[in-house]
């Protein structure tokens, strides 16, 4: 059974999430502040953390940093902070996804399923991935249909494909592909994403797999 730690100081949200998650056969633990969340995560090793940023003792970003200091536990931020900078800060700190309050329970559950499914994928299953009409082989670095990619295009595509469903911030991708000195060169990334869509999406103007999250980053939607 998948173990989920829900961290929020709003009793009604804790109750709603506990009921809805338990009804779908998740094992649920709750914490109402950052300190308790860090202790419970260390003691119980949950499979997923759903985290509010506005906690009474610690900022949620500090909780993410605390978790990332020792663990790769998937983290979905569930917060009333709707600004792009808050979302970017959370993603750059190590969050896997970001859902804004007020939220639909069906959307949150879909994100939970995507994250838990992603963490269960083994390396062998990542060797060959379908992207629309194409099959991408990450081992041999080939794409069906005689599609040719540049080394930089491969680097970006592989980063997204190895994290299906995960929202990757612009900073994360720029740092990984070009280096820390290029974190503000977002136009590089936009150009390469445009090229990848032209080569891989059936309708590049309306992509369904290589998705832009405005102001935040990109995700691969299987």
N, C-alpha and C. Protein backbone atom coordinates (compact mmCIF):
# COMPACT_ATOMS: atom_id res chain seq x y z
N UNK A 1 0.84 -1.19 0.00
CA UNK A 1 0.00 0.00 0.00
C UNK A 1 0.88 1.25 0.00
N UNK A 2 0.56 2.21 -0.85
CA UNK A 2 1.33 3.45 -0.93
C UNK A 2 1.07 4.31 0.30
N UNK A 3 2.15 4.75 0.96
CA UNK A 3 2.05 5.57 2.17
C UNK A 3 2.21 7.04 1.80
N UNK A 4 1.24 7.87 2.17
CA UNK A 4 1.26 9.29 1.85
C UNK A 4 1.25 10.10 3.14
N UNK A 5 2.17 11.05 3.24
CA UNK A 5 2.20 11.99 4.36
C UNK A 5 1.63 13.32 3.88
N UNK A 6 0.53 13.76 4.51
CA UNK A 6 -0.12 15.03 4.17
C UNK A 6 0.27 16.05 5.23
N UNK A 7 0.81 17.18 4.78
CA UNK A 7 1.29 18.22 5.69
C UNK A 7 0.51 19.50 5.44
N UNK A 8 -0.35 19.87 6.37
CA UNK A 8 -1.19 21.06 6.21
C UNK A 8 -1.71 21.45 7.60
N UNK A 9 -1.90 22.75 7.84
CA UNK A 9 -2.41 23.18 9.13
C UNK A 9 -3.90 23.52 9.09
N UNK A 10 -4.57 23.20 7.99
CA UNK A 10 -6.01 23.44 7.88
C UNK A 10 -6.75 22.12 8.13
N UNK A 11 -7.47 22.01 9.27
CA UNK A 11 -8.12 20.73 9.63
C UNK A 11 -9.06 20.20 8.56
N UNK A 12 -9.80 21.11 7.89
CA UNK A 12 -10.77 20.63 6.90
C UNK A 12 -10.09 20.01 5.70
N UNK A 13 -8.91 20.56 5.32
CA UNK A 13 -8.18 19.98 4.20
C UNK A 13 -7.58 18.63 4.59
N UNK A 14 -7.02 18.56 5.80
CA UNK A 14 -6.49 17.28 6.27
C UNK A 14 -7.58 16.20 6.28
N UNK A 15 -8.76 16.58 6.76
CA UNK A 15 -9.85 15.61 6.83
C UNK A 15 -10.28 15.17 5.43
N UNK A 16 -10.44 16.14 4.53
CA UNK A 16 -10.87 15.80 3.18
C UNK A 16 -9.87 14.90 2.48
N UNK A 17 -8.58 15.22 2.61
CA UNK A 17 -7.57 14.41 1.95
C UNK A 17 -7.46 13.03 2.59
N UNK A 18 -7.55 12.97 3.89
CA UNK A 18 -7.47 11.66 4.55
C UNK A 18 -8.60 10.76 4.06
N UNK A 19 -9.82 11.29 3.99
CA UNK A 19 -10.97 10.49 3.57
C UNK A 19 -10.82 10.05 2.12
N UNK A 20 -10.49 11.00 1.24
CA UNK A 20 -10.42 10.68 -0.19
C UNK A 20 -9.26 9.76 -0.53
N UNK A 21 -8.13 9.94 0.11
CA UNK A 21 -6.98 9.08 -0.15
C UNK A 21 -7.20 7.68 0.41
N UNK A 22 -7.74 7.60 1.63
CA UNK A 22 -8.00 6.30 2.24
C UNK A 22 -9.03 5.51 1.44
N UNK A 23 -10.02 6.21 0.87
CA UNK A 23 -11.04 5.54 0.07
C UNK A 23 -10.45 4.91 -1.17
N UNK A 24 -9.28 5.42 -1.59
CA UNK A 24 -8.60 4.86 -2.77
C UNK A 24 -7.42 3.99 -2.37
N UNK A 25 -7.46 3.52 -1.13
CA UNK A 25 -6.54 2.51 -0.63
C UNK A 25 -5.10 3.01 -0.46
N UNK A 26 -4.96 4.31 -0.18
CA UNK A 26 -3.66 4.83 0.24
C UNK A 26 -3.61 4.81 1.76
N UNK A 27 -2.43 4.56 2.30
CA UNK A 27 -2.22 4.67 3.74
C UNK A 27 -1.83 6.12 4.03
N UNK A 28 -2.55 6.79 4.92
CA UNK A 28 -2.40 8.23 5.10
C UNK A 28 -1.93 8.57 6.52
N UNK A 29 -0.90 9.41 6.60
CA UNK A 29 -0.48 10.02 7.86
C UNK A 29 -0.54 11.52 7.68
N UNK A 30 -0.74 12.27 8.77
CA UNK A 30 -0.87 13.72 8.66
C UNK A 30 0.06 14.40 9.65
N UNK A 31 0.48 15.61 9.27
CA UNK A 31 1.27 16.47 10.14
C UNK A 31 0.77 17.89 9.95
N UNK A 32 0.76 18.67 11.03
CA UNK A 32 0.21 20.02 10.96
C UNK A 32 1.28 21.12 10.97
N UNK A 33 2.53 20.74 11.04
CA UNK A 33 3.60 21.73 10.94
C UNK A 33 4.85 21.10 10.34
N UNK A 34 5.82 21.95 9.98
CA UNK A 34 7.00 21.48 9.27
C UNK A 34 7.89 20.58 10.09
N UNK A 35 8.07 20.92 11.36
CA UNK A 35 8.92 20.11 12.22
C UNK A 35 8.39 18.69 12.36
N UNK A 36 7.08 18.58 12.60
CA UNK A 36 6.47 17.25 12.71
C UNK A 36 6.58 16.49 11.40
N UNK A 37 6.43 17.21 10.28
CA UNK A 37 6.53 16.56 8.98
C UNK A 37 7.91 15.96 8.76
N UNK A 38 8.95 16.70 9.09
CA UNK A 38 10.31 16.20 8.90
C UNK A 38 10.58 14.99 9.80
N UNK A 39 10.09 15.04 11.04
CA UNK A 39 10.29 13.91 11.95
C UNK A 39 9.54 12.67 11.45
N UNK A 40 8.29 12.88 11.03
CA UNK A 40 7.50 11.73 10.56
C UNK A 40 8.07 11.14 9.28
N UNK A 41 8.57 12.00 8.39
CA UNK A 41 9.18 11.49 7.16
C UNK A 41 10.39 10.64 7.47
N UNK A 42 11.20 11.08 8.42
CA UNK A 42 12.40 10.33 8.80
C UNK A 42 12.04 9.01 9.47
N UNK A 43 10.96 9.02 10.26
CA UNK A 43 10.59 7.83 11.03
C UNK A 43 9.83 6.80 10.20
N UNK A 44 9.00 7.27 9.24
CA UNK A 44 8.09 6.35 8.55
C UNK A 44 8.40 6.13 7.07
N UNK A 45 9.29 6.94 6.49
CA UNK A 45 9.67 6.81 5.07
C UNK A 45 8.46 6.68 4.15
N UNK A 46 7.64 7.74 4.06
CA UNK A 46 6.47 7.67 3.18
C UNK A 46 6.88 7.57 1.72
N UNK A 47 5.94 7.13 0.89
CA UNK A 47 6.19 7.02 -0.55
C UNK A 47 5.95 8.35 -1.26
N UNK A 48 5.20 9.25 -0.61
CA UNK A 48 4.85 10.53 -1.21
C UNK A 48 4.50 11.52 -0.12
N UNK A 49 4.86 12.79 -0.32
CA UNK A 49 4.48 13.86 0.61
C UNK A 49 3.64 14.88 -0.14
N UNK A 50 2.48 15.23 0.43
CA UNK A 50 1.66 16.33 -0.06
C UNK A 50 1.85 17.47 0.93
N UNK A 51 2.37 18.60 0.47
CA UNK A 51 2.90 19.62 1.38
C UNK A 51 2.32 21.00 1.11
N UNK A 52 1.77 21.62 2.15
CA UNK A 52 1.38 23.03 2.09
C UNK A 52 2.63 23.87 2.35
N UNK A 53 2.69 25.07 1.74
CA UNK A 53 3.85 25.94 1.96
C UNK A 53 3.66 26.84 3.17
N UNK A 54 2.42 27.20 3.48
CA UNK A 54 2.17 28.13 4.59
C UNK A 54 1.96 27.42 5.90
N UNK A 55 3.03 26.96 6.51
CA UNK A 55 2.95 26.22 7.78
C UNK A 55 3.26 27.15 8.95
N UNK A 56 2.80 26.81 10.16
CA UNK A 56 2.96 27.74 11.28
C UNK A 56 4.37 27.89 11.82
N UNK A 57 5.23 26.89 11.60
CA UNK A 57 6.58 26.97 12.19
C UNK A 57 7.67 27.16 11.14
N UNK A 58 7.58 26.45 10.03
CA UNK A 58 8.59 26.53 8.97
C UNK A 58 7.90 26.86 7.65
N UNK A 59 8.60 27.57 6.79
CA UNK A 59 8.09 27.73 5.43
C UNK A 59 8.21 26.40 4.72
N UNK A 60 7.21 26.12 3.86
CA UNK A 60 7.24 24.85 3.14
C UNK A 60 8.48 24.65 2.30
N UNK A 61 9.05 25.74 1.78
CA UNK A 61 10.29 25.62 1.00
C UNK A 61 11.41 25.05 1.87
N UNK A 62 11.45 25.47 3.13
CA UNK A 62 12.47 24.94 4.04
C UNK A 62 12.24 23.46 4.33
N UNK A 63 10.98 23.05 4.36
CA UNK A 63 10.67 21.63 4.55
C UNK A 63 11.15 20.82 3.35
N UNK A 64 10.93 21.37 2.15
CA UNK A 64 11.42 20.68 0.94
C UNK A 64 12.93 20.53 1.00
N UNK A 65 13.64 21.62 1.34
CA UNK A 65 15.10 21.53 1.46
C UNK A 65 15.49 20.49 2.51
N UNK A 66 14.76 20.46 3.63
CA UNK A 66 15.06 19.49 4.67
C UNK A 66 14.90 18.06 4.20
N UNK A 67 13.84 17.80 3.46
CA UNK A 67 13.62 16.46 2.92
C UNK A 67 14.66 16.10 1.87
N UNK A 68 14.98 17.07 1.01
CA UNK A 68 15.92 16.79 -0.07
C UNK A 68 17.35 16.62 0.44
N UNK A 69 17.60 17.01 1.69
CA UNK A 69 18.92 16.81 2.24
C UNK A 69 19.27 15.35 2.43
N UNK A 70 18.26 14.48 2.48
CA UNK A 70 18.54 13.07 2.72
C UNK A 70 17.66 12.12 1.91
N UNK A 71 16.64 12.64 1.21
CA UNK A 71 15.69 11.74 0.58
C UNK A 71 15.23 12.24 -0.78
N UNK A 72 14.86 11.29 -1.62
CA UNK A 72 14.26 11.61 -2.91
C UNK A 72 12.76 11.39 -2.91
N UNK A 73 12.13 11.37 -1.72
CA UNK A 73 10.69 11.19 -1.62
C UNK A 73 9.96 12.16 -2.55
N UNK A 74 9.05 11.69 -3.40
CA UNK A 74 8.29 12.62 -4.24
C UNK A 74 7.48 13.59 -3.39
N UNK A 75 7.44 14.84 -3.82
CA UNK A 75 6.74 15.89 -3.08
C UNK A 75 5.79 16.62 -4.03
N UNK A 76 4.50 16.65 -3.68
CA UNK A 76 3.53 17.48 -4.38
C UNK A 76 3.17 18.65 -3.47
N UNK A 77 3.43 19.85 -3.93
CA UNK A 77 3.06 21.03 -3.15
C UNK A 77 1.58 21.33 -3.40
N UNK A 78 0.87 21.59 -2.30
CA UNK A 78 -0.55 21.96 -2.36
C UNK A 78 -0.68 23.26 -1.59
N UNK A 79 -0.77 24.38 -2.32
CA UNK A 79 -0.62 25.67 -1.65
C UNK A 79 -1.57 26.72 -2.20
N UNK A 80 -1.89 27.69 -1.35
CA UNK A 80 -2.68 28.84 -1.76
C UNK A 80 -1.84 29.90 -2.45
N UNK A 81 -0.52 29.74 -2.46
CA UNK A 81 0.35 30.70 -3.14
C UNK A 81 0.30 30.42 -4.64
N UNK A 82 -0.29 31.36 -5.37
CA UNK A 82 -0.53 31.12 -6.80
C UNK A 82 0.48 31.82 -7.70
N UNK A 83 1.41 32.58 -7.13
CA UNK A 83 2.37 33.30 -7.95
C UNK A 83 3.37 32.37 -8.61
N UNK A 84 3.77 32.72 -9.82
CA UNK A 84 4.73 31.88 -10.55
C UNK A 84 6.04 31.74 -9.79
N UNK A 85 6.49 32.82 -9.12
CA UNK A 85 7.77 32.73 -8.42
C UNK A 85 7.71 31.72 -7.28
N UNK A 86 6.57 31.66 -6.58
CA UNK A 86 6.41 30.66 -5.51
C UNK A 86 6.51 29.25 -6.10
N UNK A 87 5.88 29.05 -7.25
CA UNK A 87 5.91 27.74 -7.89
C UNK A 87 7.33 27.39 -8.34
N UNK A 88 8.01 28.37 -8.92
CA UNK A 88 9.38 28.14 -9.38
C UNK A 88 10.29 27.83 -8.20
N UNK A 89 10.14 28.58 -7.10
CA UNK A 89 10.99 28.34 -5.92
C UNK A 89 10.77 26.93 -5.37
N UNK A 90 9.52 26.49 -5.36
CA UNK A 90 9.22 25.14 -4.85
C UNK A 90 9.82 24.07 -5.75
N UNK A 91 9.68 24.25 -7.06
CA UNK A 91 10.24 23.28 -8.00
C UNK A 91 11.75 23.25 -7.93
N UNK A 92 12.37 24.44 -7.86
CA UNK A 92 13.82 24.50 -7.78
C UNK A 92 14.34 23.91 -6.48
N UNK A 93 13.54 23.99 -5.42
CA UNK A 93 13.95 23.39 -4.14
C UNK A 93 13.89 21.87 -4.18
N UNK A 94 13.10 21.33 -5.13
CA UNK A 94 13.04 19.87 -5.26
C UNK A 94 11.65 19.28 -5.29
N UNK A 95 10.60 20.12 -5.31
CA UNK A 95 9.24 19.58 -5.41
C UNK A 95 9.03 18.94 -6.78
N UNK A 96 8.16 17.94 -6.83
CA UNK A 96 7.89 17.23 -8.08
C UNK A 96 6.71 17.83 -8.84
N UNK A 97 5.80 18.46 -8.12
CA UNK A 97 4.64 19.05 -8.79
C UNK A 97 4.04 20.10 -7.86
N UNK A 98 3.10 20.89 -8.42
CA UNK A 98 2.53 22.02 -7.68
C UNK A 98 1.06 22.14 -8.04
N UNK A 99 0.21 22.07 -7.04
CA UNK A 99 -1.23 22.22 -7.22
C UNK A 99 -1.68 23.42 -6.37
N UNK A 100 -2.45 24.33 -6.97
CA UNK A 100 -2.86 25.55 -6.29
C UNK A 100 -4.22 25.38 -5.64
N UNK A 101 -4.34 25.86 -4.39
CA UNK A 101 -5.64 25.93 -3.72
C UNK A 101 -6.42 27.13 -4.23
N UNK A 102 -7.75 27.07 -4.31
CA UNK A 102 -8.58 25.87 -4.10
C UNK A 102 -8.37 24.87 -5.23
N UNK A 103 -8.47 23.61 -4.91
CA UNK A 103 -8.12 22.57 -5.87
C UNK A 103 -9.27 21.58 -6.02
N UNK A 104 -9.29 20.91 -7.15
CA UNK A 104 -10.23 19.82 -7.36
C UNK A 104 -9.61 18.51 -6.92
N UNK A 105 -10.34 17.72 -6.16
CA UNK A 105 -9.77 16.48 -5.64
C UNK A 105 -9.39 15.53 -6.76
N UNK A 106 -10.14 15.55 -7.87
CA UNK A 106 -9.81 14.66 -8.99
C UNK A 106 -8.47 15.04 -9.61
N UNK A 107 -8.20 16.35 -9.73
CA UNK A 107 -6.91 16.79 -10.26
C UNK A 107 -5.78 16.36 -9.35
N UNK A 108 -5.95 16.56 -8.04
CA UNK A 108 -4.89 16.17 -7.11
C UNK A 108 -4.65 14.67 -7.16
N UNK A 109 -5.71 13.89 -7.20
CA UNK A 109 -5.55 12.43 -7.27
C UNK A 109 -4.85 12.00 -8.55
N UNK A 110 -5.12 12.70 -9.65
CA UNK A 110 -4.42 12.40 -10.90
C UNK A 110 -2.94 12.68 -10.76
N UNK A 111 -2.59 13.78 -10.09
CA UNK A 111 -1.18 14.09 -9.87
C UNK A 111 -0.53 13.04 -8.97
N UNK A 112 -1.25 12.60 -7.95
CA UNK A 112 -0.73 11.56 -7.05
C UNK A 112 -0.46 10.29 -7.84
N UNK A 113 -1.42 9.90 -8.69
CA UNK A 113 -1.22 8.68 -9.48
C UNK A 113 -0.03 8.82 -10.41
N UNK A 114 0.12 10.01 -11.02
CA UNK A 114 1.23 10.21 -11.95
C UNK A 114 2.57 10.11 -11.23
N UNK A 115 2.67 10.71 -10.05
CA UNK A 115 3.93 10.69 -9.31
C UNK A 115 4.25 9.28 -8.83
N UNK A 116 3.26 8.60 -8.27
CA UNK A 116 3.55 7.25 -7.76
C UNK A 116 3.83 6.28 -8.90
N UNK A 117 3.16 6.47 -10.04
CA UNK A 117 3.45 5.63 -11.20
C UNK A 117 4.87 5.88 -11.71
N UNK A 118 5.25 7.14 -11.71
CA UNK A 118 6.58 7.51 -12.21
C UNK A 118 7.68 6.91 -11.33
N UNK A 119 7.51 6.95 -10.03
CA UNK A 119 8.54 6.44 -9.14
C UNK A 119 8.64 4.92 -9.20
N UNK A 120 7.58 4.27 -9.73
CA UNK A 120 7.62 2.82 -9.86
C UNK A 120 8.23 2.34 -11.16
N UNK A 121 8.51 3.25 -12.07
CA UNK A 121 9.08 2.86 -13.36
C UNK A 121 10.54 2.44 -13.19
N UNK A 122 10.88 1.32 -13.72
CA UNK A 122 12.25 0.84 -13.66
C UNK A 122 13.03 1.30 -14.88
N UNK A 123 14.34 1.30 -14.77
CA UNK A 123 15.20 1.78 -15.86
C UNK A 123 14.94 1.01 -17.15
N UNK A 124 14.70 -0.28 -17.05
CA UNK A 124 14.47 -1.08 -18.25
C UNK A 124 13.23 -0.60 -19.00
N UNK A 125 12.22 -0.15 -18.22
CA UNK A 125 10.99 0.31 -18.85
C UNK A 125 11.18 1.66 -19.52
N UNK A 126 12.23 2.38 -19.13
CA UNK A 126 12.50 3.69 -19.70
C UNK A 126 13.31 3.60 -20.99
N UNK A 127 13.78 2.42 -21.32
CA UNK A 127 14.63 2.29 -22.50
C UNK A 127 13.89 2.69 -23.77
N UNK A 128 12.61 2.34 -23.85
CA UNK A 128 11.82 2.62 -25.04
C UNK A 128 10.52 3.28 -24.63
N UNK A 129 10.28 4.50 -25.12
CA UNK A 129 9.12 5.28 -24.69
C UNK A 129 8.36 5.76 -25.92
N UNK A 130 7.04 5.62 -25.88
CA UNK A 130 6.22 6.12 -26.98
C UNK A 130 5.90 7.59 -26.75
N UNK A 131 6.10 8.37 -27.80
CA UNK A 131 5.77 9.78 -27.79
C UNK A 131 4.93 10.05 -29.04
N UNK A 132 3.61 10.02 -28.88
CA UNK A 132 2.73 10.19 -30.03
C UNK A 132 2.92 9.09 -31.04
N UNK A 133 3.25 9.45 -32.28
CA UNK A 133 3.45 8.47 -33.35
C UNK A 133 4.85 7.88 -33.36
N UNK A 134 5.71 8.35 -32.45
CA UNK A 134 7.11 7.92 -32.46
C UNK A 134 7.43 7.04 -31.25
N UNK A 135 8.47 6.22 -31.42
CA UNK A 135 9.04 5.47 -30.31
C UNK A 135 10.47 5.96 -30.11
N UNK A 136 10.75 6.42 -28.91
CA UNK A 136 12.07 6.96 -28.58
C UNK A 136 12.84 5.91 -27.80
N UNK A 137 13.98 5.51 -28.31
CA UNK A 137 14.85 4.53 -27.63
C UNK A 137 15.98 5.30 -26.97
N UNK A 138 15.94 5.38 -25.65
CA UNK A 138 16.94 6.16 -24.92
C UNK A 138 18.29 5.45 -24.85
N UNK A 139 18.28 4.15 -25.06
CA UNK A 139 19.54 3.41 -25.02
C UNK A 139 20.36 3.64 -26.29
N UNK A 140 19.70 3.46 -27.43
CA UNK A 140 20.41 3.63 -28.70
C UNK A 140 20.33 5.06 -29.23
N UNK A 141 19.55 5.90 -28.54
CA UNK A 141 19.35 7.30 -28.95
C UNK A 141 18.86 7.37 -30.40
N UNK A 142 17.74 6.70 -30.61
CA UNK A 142 17.10 6.74 -31.93
C UNK A 142 15.61 7.03 -31.75
N UNK A 143 15.04 7.62 -32.81
CA UNK A 143 13.60 7.89 -32.84
C UNK A 143 13.04 7.27 -34.10
N UNK A 144 11.94 6.55 -33.96
CA UNK A 144 11.33 5.92 -35.13
C UNK A 144 10.89 7.00 -36.13
N UNK A 145 10.76 6.58 -37.38
CA UNK A 145 10.35 7.50 -38.42
C UNK A 145 11.50 8.32 -38.97
N UNK A 146 12.73 7.87 -38.71
CA UNK A 146 13.93 8.53 -39.24
C UNK A 146 14.07 9.97 -38.74
N UNK A 147 13.60 10.24 -37.53
CA UNK A 147 13.74 11.57 -36.93
C UNK A 147 15.15 11.70 -36.37
N UNK A 148 15.81 12.77 -36.72
CA UNK A 148 17.16 13.02 -36.22
C UNK A 148 17.14 14.20 -35.24
N UNK A 149 17.79 14.00 -34.10
CA UNK A 149 17.87 15.04 -33.08
C UNK A 149 19.33 15.45 -32.85
N UNK A 150 19.54 16.71 -32.54
CA UNK A 150 20.87 17.18 -32.18
C UNK A 150 21.20 16.73 -30.76
N UNK A 151 22.49 16.75 -30.37
CA UNK A 151 22.85 16.36 -29.00
C UNK A 151 22.10 17.17 -27.94
N UNK A 152 21.92 18.46 -28.16
CA UNK A 152 21.20 19.28 -27.17
C UNK A 152 19.73 18.89 -27.13
N UNK A 153 19.13 18.66 -28.28
CA UNK A 153 17.73 18.22 -28.30
C UNK A 153 17.58 16.89 -27.55
N UNK A 154 18.53 15.98 -27.76
CA UNK A 154 18.49 14.71 -27.04
C UNK A 154 18.56 14.93 -25.53
N UNK A 155 19.43 15.81 -25.10
CA UNK A 155 19.62 16.05 -23.67
C UNK A 155 18.32 16.55 -23.03
N UNK A 156 17.68 17.51 -23.69
CA UNK A 156 16.42 18.05 -23.17
C UNK A 156 15.33 16.98 -23.18
N UNK A 157 15.20 16.28 -24.31
CA UNK A 157 14.16 15.27 -24.43
C UNK A 157 14.34 14.15 -23.41
N UNK A 158 15.56 13.70 -23.25
CA UNK A 158 15.81 12.62 -22.30
C UNK A 158 15.48 13.04 -20.87
N UNK A 159 15.82 14.28 -20.54
CA UNK A 159 15.51 14.79 -19.20
C UNK A 159 14.01 14.76 -18.94
N UNK A 160 13.22 15.15 -19.92
CA UNK A 160 11.77 15.14 -19.76
C UNK A 160 11.20 13.71 -19.77
N UNK A 161 11.69 12.87 -20.66
CA UNK A 161 11.15 11.52 -20.77
C UNK A 161 11.47 10.67 -19.55
N UNK A 162 12.59 10.92 -18.91
CA UNK A 162 12.96 10.14 -17.72
C UNK A 162 12.16 10.58 -16.48
N UNK A 163 11.36 11.63 -16.63
CA UNK A 163 10.52 12.08 -15.52
C UNK A 163 9.09 12.31 -16.03
N UNK A 164 8.43 11.27 -16.55
CA UNK A 164 7.10 11.46 -17.15
C UNK A 164 6.11 12.05 -16.16
N UNK A 165 5.43 13.09 -16.60
CA UNK A 165 4.43 13.75 -15.76
C UNK A 165 4.99 14.79 -14.82
N UNK A 166 6.29 14.79 -14.60
CA UNK A 166 6.91 15.71 -13.65
C UNK A 166 7.08 17.09 -14.28
N UNK A 167 6.73 18.11 -13.52
CA UNK A 167 6.94 19.48 -13.96
C UNK A 167 8.40 19.86 -13.72
N UNK A 168 9.14 20.06 -14.79
CA UNK A 168 10.56 20.43 -14.70
C UNK A 168 10.67 21.94 -14.89
N UNK A 169 11.25 22.62 -13.93
CA UNK A 169 11.35 24.07 -14.04
C UNK A 169 12.36 24.46 -15.12
N UNK A 170 12.20 25.67 -15.65
CA UNK A 170 13.15 26.17 -16.64
C UNK A 170 14.56 26.16 -16.07
N UNK A 171 14.70 26.56 -14.81
CA UNK A 171 16.02 26.59 -14.17
C UNK A 171 16.64 25.20 -14.11
N UNK A 172 15.83 24.21 -13.77
CA UNK A 172 16.35 22.84 -13.69
C UNK A 172 16.88 22.38 -15.05
N UNK A 173 16.11 22.63 -16.09
CA UNK A 173 16.52 22.16 -17.42
C UNK A 173 17.74 22.92 -17.91
N UNK A 174 17.73 24.24 -17.76
CA UNK A 174 18.86 25.06 -18.22
C UNK A 174 20.14 24.67 -17.49
N UNK A 175 20.04 24.44 -16.17
CA UNK A 175 21.22 24.05 -15.40
C UNK A 175 21.75 22.71 -15.85
N UNK A 176 20.84 21.76 -16.06
CA UNK A 176 21.24 20.41 -16.44
C UNK A 176 21.87 20.38 -17.83
N UNK A 177 21.29 21.14 -18.76
CA UNK A 177 21.71 21.05 -20.16
C UNK A 177 22.85 22.00 -20.48
N UNK A 178 22.77 23.24 -20.00
CA UNK A 178 23.78 24.23 -20.36
C UNK A 178 24.71 24.63 -19.22
N UNK A 179 24.29 24.41 -17.97
CA UNK A 179 25.12 24.79 -16.83
C UNK A 179 24.52 25.97 -16.07
N UNK A 180 24.99 26.14 -14.83
CA UNK A 180 24.41 27.13 -13.92
C UNK A 180 24.52 28.56 -14.44
N UNK A 181 25.50 28.84 -15.29
CA UNK A 181 25.66 30.21 -15.79
C UNK A 181 24.55 30.61 -16.77
N UNK A 182 23.76 29.64 -17.20
CA UNK A 182 22.77 29.92 -18.24
C UNK A 182 21.33 29.88 -17.73
N UNK A 183 21.14 30.00 -16.40
CA UNK A 183 19.79 29.81 -15.84
C UNK A 183 18.81 30.90 -16.28
N UNK A 184 19.30 32.03 -16.76
CA UNK A 184 18.40 33.10 -17.21
C UNK A 184 18.19 33.10 -18.72
N UNK A 185 18.85 32.19 -19.42
CA UNK A 185 18.76 32.17 -20.89
C UNK A 185 17.57 31.34 -21.34
N UNK A 186 16.38 31.75 -20.91
CA UNK A 186 15.18 30.95 -21.20
C UNK A 186 14.86 30.90 -22.70
N UNK A 187 15.36 31.88 -23.46
CA UNK A 187 15.09 31.86 -24.90
C UNK A 187 15.76 30.67 -25.57
N UNK A 188 16.92 30.22 -25.04
CA UNK A 188 17.56 29.01 -25.57
C UNK A 188 16.57 27.85 -25.49
N UNK A 189 15.99 27.71 -24.30
CA UNK A 189 15.11 26.59 -24.05
C UNK A 189 13.86 26.66 -24.91
N UNK A 190 13.28 27.84 -25.05
CA UNK A 190 12.09 27.98 -25.89
C UNK A 190 12.38 27.56 -27.33
N UNK A 191 13.54 27.96 -27.84
CA UNK A 191 13.90 27.62 -29.22
C UNK A 191 14.01 26.10 -29.40
N UNK A 192 14.67 25.45 -28.46
CA UNK A 192 14.86 24.01 -28.59
C UNK A 192 13.55 23.25 -28.39
N UNK A 193 12.69 23.73 -27.50
CA UNK A 193 11.39 23.08 -27.34
C UNK A 193 10.56 23.22 -28.61
N UNK A 194 10.65 24.38 -29.26
CA UNK A 194 9.96 24.57 -30.53
C UNK A 194 10.45 23.56 -31.57
N UNK A 195 11.78 23.37 -31.62
CA UNK A 195 12.36 22.42 -32.57
C UNK A 195 11.91 20.98 -32.27
N UNK A 196 11.91 20.61 -30.98
CA UNK A 196 11.48 19.26 -30.61
C UNK A 196 10.03 19.02 -30.99
N UNK A 197 9.18 20.01 -30.79
CA UNK A 197 7.77 19.84 -31.15
C UNK A 197 7.58 19.70 -32.65
N UNK A 198 8.36 20.46 -33.41
CA UNK A 198 8.26 20.34 -34.88
C UNK A 198 8.62 18.94 -35.33
N UNK A 199 9.56 18.31 -34.64
CA UNK A 199 10.01 16.99 -35.05
C UNK A 199 9.16 15.85 -34.49
N UNK A 200 8.51 16.08 -33.34
CA UNK A 200 7.89 14.96 -32.64
C UNK A 200 6.38 15.08 -32.43
N UNK A 201 5.84 16.28 -32.40
CA UNK A 201 4.41 16.44 -32.16
C UNK A 201 3.65 16.43 -33.49
N UNK A 202 2.49 15.75 -33.55
CA UNK A 202 1.68 15.76 -34.78
C UNK A 202 1.25 17.18 -35.17
N UNK A 203 0.91 17.99 -34.16
CA UNK A 203 0.53 19.38 -34.40
C UNK A 203 1.38 20.25 -33.48
N UNK A 204 2.53 20.71 -33.96
CA UNK A 204 3.46 21.46 -33.09
C UNK A 204 2.84 22.69 -32.43
N UNK A 205 1.86 23.30 -33.07
CA UNK A 205 1.23 24.49 -32.49
C UNK A 205 0.30 24.13 -31.33
N UNK A 206 -0.10 22.88 -31.25
CA UNK A 206 -0.98 22.42 -30.17
C UNK A 206 -0.42 21.11 -29.59
N UNK A 207 0.71 21.19 -28.90
CA UNK A 207 1.37 19.98 -28.41
C UNK A 207 0.54 19.25 -27.35
N UNK A 208 0.62 17.93 -27.38
CA UNK A 208 -0.10 17.12 -26.39
C UNK A 208 0.84 16.29 -25.52
N UNK A 209 2.13 16.27 -25.86
CA UNK A 209 3.10 15.49 -25.08
C UNK A 209 4.20 16.35 -24.46
N UNK A 210 4.69 17.32 -25.18
CA UNK A 210 5.74 18.20 -24.67
C UNK A 210 5.05 19.51 -24.28
N UNK A 211 4.63 19.57 -23.02
CA UNK A 211 3.71 20.59 -22.55
C UNK A 211 4.45 21.74 -21.86
N UNK A 212 4.03 22.96 -22.17
CA UNK A 212 4.53 24.16 -21.48
C UNK A 212 3.63 24.49 -20.31
N UNK A 213 4.22 24.70 -19.14
CA UNK A 213 3.51 25.25 -17.99
C UNK A 213 3.95 26.71 -17.91
N UNK A 214 3.11 27.66 -18.36
CA UNK A 214 3.53 29.06 -18.52
C UNK A 214 4.20 29.63 -17.28
N UNK A 215 5.36 30.24 -17.52
CA UNK A 215 6.11 30.88 -16.46
C UNK A 215 6.85 29.94 -15.53
N UNK A 216 6.67 28.62 -15.70
CA UNK A 216 7.29 27.68 -14.77
C UNK A 216 8.27 26.73 -15.46
N UNK A 217 7.79 26.01 -16.47
CA UNK A 217 8.68 25.04 -17.09
C UNK A 217 7.94 24.15 -18.06
N UNK A 218 8.37 22.87 -18.11
CA UNK A 218 7.82 21.93 -19.09
C UNK A 218 7.62 20.57 -18.46
N UNK A 219 6.72 19.80 -19.07
CA UNK A 219 6.56 18.41 -18.63
C UNK A 219 6.26 17.53 -19.84
N UNK A 220 6.66 16.27 -19.73
CA UNK A 220 6.32 15.27 -20.73
C UNK A 220 5.07 14.56 -20.27
N UNK A 221 4.03 14.61 -21.09
CA UNK A 221 2.77 13.93 -20.79
C UNK A 221 2.67 12.70 -21.68
N UNK A 222 2.80 11.51 -21.10
CA UNK A 222 2.74 10.27 -21.90
C UNK A 222 1.43 10.12 -22.65
